[in-house]
Amino acid sequence: QQDDAPPHYAVIVRQFLTDTVPNRWIGRHGEIEWPSRSPDLPPLDYFLWGYVKNNVYATKPANLAD
């Protein structure tokens, strides 16, 4: 679920999400429409953050540039 913050709504971010987790991300003009700041529990708590964390920490950087 995106919160309408400009960095979260950028085309490049939406394209990354579409390419990385097709048919799984939820947000404004996303694959699955969901109103921002919805009172419901955010679906991302169930999938995306664990997925992102696993991918971020999958490989350790070899140098500062990585």
N, C-alpha and C. Protein backbone atom coordinates (compact mmCIF):
# COMPACT_ATOMS: atom_id res chain seq x y z
N GLN A 1 0.85 -1.17 0.00
CA GLN A 1 0.00 0.00 0.00
C GLN A 1 0.89 1.23 0.00
N GLN A 2 0.66 2.11 -0.93
CA GLN A 2 1.44 3.33 -1.02
C GLN A 2 0.71 4.43 -0.25
N ASP A 3 1.45 5.36 0.32
CA ASP A 3 0.84 6.40 1.14
C ASP A 3 0.78 7.76 0.45
N ASP A 4 0.91 7.79 -0.86
CA ASP A 4 0.84 9.00 -1.68
C ASP A 4 2.01 9.94 -1.48
N ALA A 5 3.04 9.55 -0.74
CA ALA A 5 4.23 10.38 -0.64
C ALA A 5 4.90 10.38 -2.02
N PRO A 6 5.37 11.54 -2.49
CA PRO A 6 5.94 11.61 -3.84
C PRO A 6 6.98 10.54 -4.16
N PRO A 7 7.93 10.21 -3.26
CA PRO A 7 8.89 9.17 -3.62
C PRO A 7 8.24 7.79 -3.79
N HIS A 8 7.13 7.56 -3.10
CA HIS A 8 6.47 6.26 -3.19
C HIS A 8 5.58 6.16 -4.42
N TYR A 9 5.27 7.27 -5.04
CA TYR A 9 4.34 7.29 -6.16
C TYR A 9 5.05 7.51 -7.49
N ALA A 10 6.35 7.72 -7.47
CA ALA A 10 7.10 7.98 -8.70
C ALA A 10 6.92 6.84 -9.69
N VAL A 11 6.91 7.18 -10.96
CA VAL A 11 6.73 6.18 -12.01
C VAL A 11 7.79 5.08 -11.91
N ILE A 12 9.02 5.48 -11.62
CA ILE A 12 10.10 4.49 -11.54
C ILE A 12 9.85 3.50 -10.40
N VAL A 13 9.29 3.97 -9.30
CA VAL A 13 8.98 3.07 -8.18
C VAL A 13 7.85 2.13 -8.56
N ARG A 14 6.81 2.66 -9.17
CA ARG A 14 5.69 1.80 -9.59
C ARG A 14 6.14 0.77 -10.62
N GLN A 15 7.02 1.18 -11.54
CA GLN A 15 7.52 0.24 -12.54
C GLN A 15 8.36 -0.85 -11.89
N PHE A 16 9.20 -0.45 -10.91
CA PHE A 16 10.01 -1.43 -10.18
C PHE A 16 9.12 -2.45 -9.49
N LEU A 17 8.08 -1.98 -8.82
CA LEU A 17 7.17 -2.89 -8.13
C LEU A 17 6.46 -3.82 -9.10
N THR A 18 6.04 -3.28 -10.24
CA THR A 18 5.36 -4.09 -11.24
C THR A 18 6.29 -5.17 -11.78
N ASP A 19 7.56 -4.81 -12.01
CA ASP A 19 8.53 -5.78 -12.52
C ASP A 19 8.94 -6.79 -11.46
N THR A 20 9.07 -6.35 -10.22
CA THR A 20 9.60 -7.20 -9.15
C THR A 20 8.54 -8.09 -8.53
N VAL A 21 7.39 -7.54 -8.25
CA VAL A 21 6.31 -8.31 -7.61
C VAL A 21 5.01 -8.13 -8.40
N PRO A 22 4.96 -8.67 -9.62
CA PRO A 22 3.77 -8.46 -10.45
C PRO A 22 2.52 -9.03 -9.79
N ASN A 23 1.44 -8.28 -9.91
CA ASN A 23 0.14 -8.66 -9.36
C ASN A 23 0.14 -8.84 -7.85
N ARG A 24 1.09 -8.21 -7.16
CA ARG A 24 1.13 -8.34 -5.70
C ARG A 24 1.19 -7.01 -4.98
N TRP A 25 1.53 -5.92 -5.65
CA TRP A 25 1.64 -4.66 -4.92
C TRP A 25 0.33 -3.89 -5.02
N ILE A 26 0.06 -3.17 -3.96
CA ILE A 26 -1.22 -2.49 -3.81
C ILE A 26 -0.96 -1.01 -3.63
N GLY A 27 -1.67 -0.15 -4.36
CA GLY A 27 -1.49 1.29 -4.20
C GLY A 27 -2.26 2.07 -5.24
N ARG A 28 -2.13 3.38 -5.16
CA ARG A 28 -2.81 4.27 -6.10
C ARG A 28 -2.29 4.01 -7.51
N HIS A 29 -3.17 3.71 -8.42
CA HIS A 29 -2.84 3.37 -9.81
C HIS A 29 -1.91 2.17 -9.88
N GLY A 30 -1.99 1.30 -8.90
CA GLY A 30 -1.14 0.12 -8.88
C GLY A 30 -1.85 -1.06 -9.51
N GLU A 31 -1.21 -2.20 -9.41
CA GLU A 31 -1.79 -3.43 -9.95
C GLU A 31 -3.13 -3.72 -9.26
N ILE A 32 -3.18 -3.45 -7.96
CA ILE A 32 -4.40 -3.63 -7.18
C ILE A 32 -4.70 -2.29 -6.52
N GLU A 33 -5.82 -1.68 -6.87
CA GLU A 33 -6.15 -0.37 -6.31
C GLU A 33 -6.47 -0.48 -4.83
N TRP A 34 -5.99 0.47 -4.04
CA TRP A 34 -6.25 0.50 -2.60
C TRP A 34 -6.13 1.95 -2.16
N PRO A 35 -7.09 2.49 -1.45
CA PRO A 35 -6.99 3.88 -1.02
C PRO A 35 -5.85 4.10 -0.03
N SER A 36 -5.13 5.19 -0.21
CA SER A 36 -4.06 5.49 0.74
C SER A 36 -4.65 5.81 2.10
N ARG A 37 -3.88 5.58 3.12
CA ARG A 37 -4.29 5.83 4.51
C ARG A 37 -5.58 5.10 4.88
N SER A 38 -5.74 3.92 4.33
CA SER A 38 -6.92 3.11 4.64
C SER A 38 -6.87 2.68 6.10
N PRO A 39 -8.02 2.63 6.78
CA PRO A 39 -8.02 2.21 8.18
C PRO A 39 -7.76 0.71 8.34
N ASP A 40 -7.82 -0.04 7.25
CA ASP A 40 -7.55 -1.47 7.31
C ASP A 40 -6.07 -1.71 7.57
N LEU A 41 -5.75 -2.89 8.05
CA LEU A 41 -4.35 -3.26 8.22
C LEU A 41 -3.69 -3.27 6.84
N PRO A 42 -2.51 -2.70 6.74
CA PRO A 42 -1.86 -2.65 5.43
C PRO A 42 -1.43 -4.04 4.96
N PRO A 43 -1.84 -4.42 3.76
CA PRO A 43 -1.47 -5.73 3.23
C PRO A 43 0.04 -5.92 3.11
N LEU A 44 0.79 -4.83 2.98
CA LEU A 44 2.23 -4.97 2.84
C LEU A 44 2.86 -5.58 4.07
N ASP A 45 2.23 -5.42 5.22
CA ASP A 45 2.77 -6.01 6.44
C ASP A 45 2.83 -7.53 6.34
N TYR A 46 2.01 -8.11 5.47
CA TYR A 46 1.96 -9.55 5.35
C TYR A 46 2.91 -10.12 4.32
N PHE A 47 3.36 -9.32 3.38
CA PHE A 47 4.21 -9.86 2.33
C PHE A 47 5.42 -9.00 2.00
N LEU A 48 5.19 -7.78 1.58
CA LEU A 48 6.25 -7.02 0.92
C LEU A 48 7.45 -6.73 1.79
N TRP A 49 7.27 -6.30 3.02
CA TRP A 49 8.43 -5.89 3.81
C TRP A 49 9.37 -7.05 4.08
N GLY A 50 8.83 -8.23 4.34
CA GLY A 50 9.69 -9.40 4.50
C GLY A 50 10.42 -9.75 3.22
N TYR A 51 9.71 -9.64 2.11
CA TYR A 51 10.29 -9.92 0.80
C TYR A 51 11.42 -8.94 0.50
N VAL A 52 11.17 -7.65 0.72
CA VAL A 52 12.19 -6.63 0.47
C VAL A 52 13.39 -6.85 1.38
N LYS A 53 13.16 -7.08 2.65
CA LYS A 53 14.26 -7.29 3.59
C LYS A 53 15.12 -8.48 3.18
N ASN A 54 14.48 -9.57 2.79
CA ASN A 54 15.24 -10.74 2.35
C ASN A 54 16.09 -10.44 1.14
N ASN A 55 15.57 -9.66 0.20
CA ASN A 55 16.34 -9.32 -1.00
C ASN A 55 17.45 -8.33 -0.70
N VAL A 56 17.21 -7.38 0.18
CA VAL A 56 18.23 -6.39 0.51
C VAL A 56 19.41 -7.05 1.21
N TYR A 57 19.13 -7.97 2.11
CA TYR A 57 20.20 -8.60 2.89
C TYR A 57 20.68 -9.92 2.30
N ALA A 58 20.23 -10.28 1.10
CA ALA A 58 20.62 -11.56 0.49
C ALA A 58 22.11 -11.62 0.20
N THR A 59 22.67 -10.53 -0.31
CA THR A 59 24.11 -10.49 -0.60
C THR A 59 24.72 -9.29 0.10
N LYS A 60 25.87 -9.50 0.66
CA LYS A 60 26.56 -8.41 1.35
C LYS A 60 27.35 -7.61 0.32
N PRO A 61 27.39 -6.29 0.47
CA PRO A 61 28.16 -5.47 -0.47
C PRO A 61 29.66 -5.77 -0.34
N ALA A 62 30.35 -5.80 -1.48
CA ALA A 62 31.78 -6.08 -1.49
C ALA A 62 32.60 -4.82 -1.21
N ASN A 63 32.04 -3.66 -1.59
CA ASN A 63 32.76 -2.41 -1.38
C ASN A 63 31.76 -1.29 -1.14
N LEU A 64 32.27 -0.09 -0.93
CA LEU A 64 31.42 1.06 -0.62
C LEU A 64 30.46 1.39 -1.76
N ALA A 65 30.89 1.20 -3.00
CA ALA A 65 30.05 1.51 -4.16
C ALA A 65 28.84 0.58 -4.24
N ASP A 66 28.97 -0.63 -3.75
CA ASP A 66 27.86 -1.58 -3.80
C ASP A 66 26.80 -1.16 -2.81
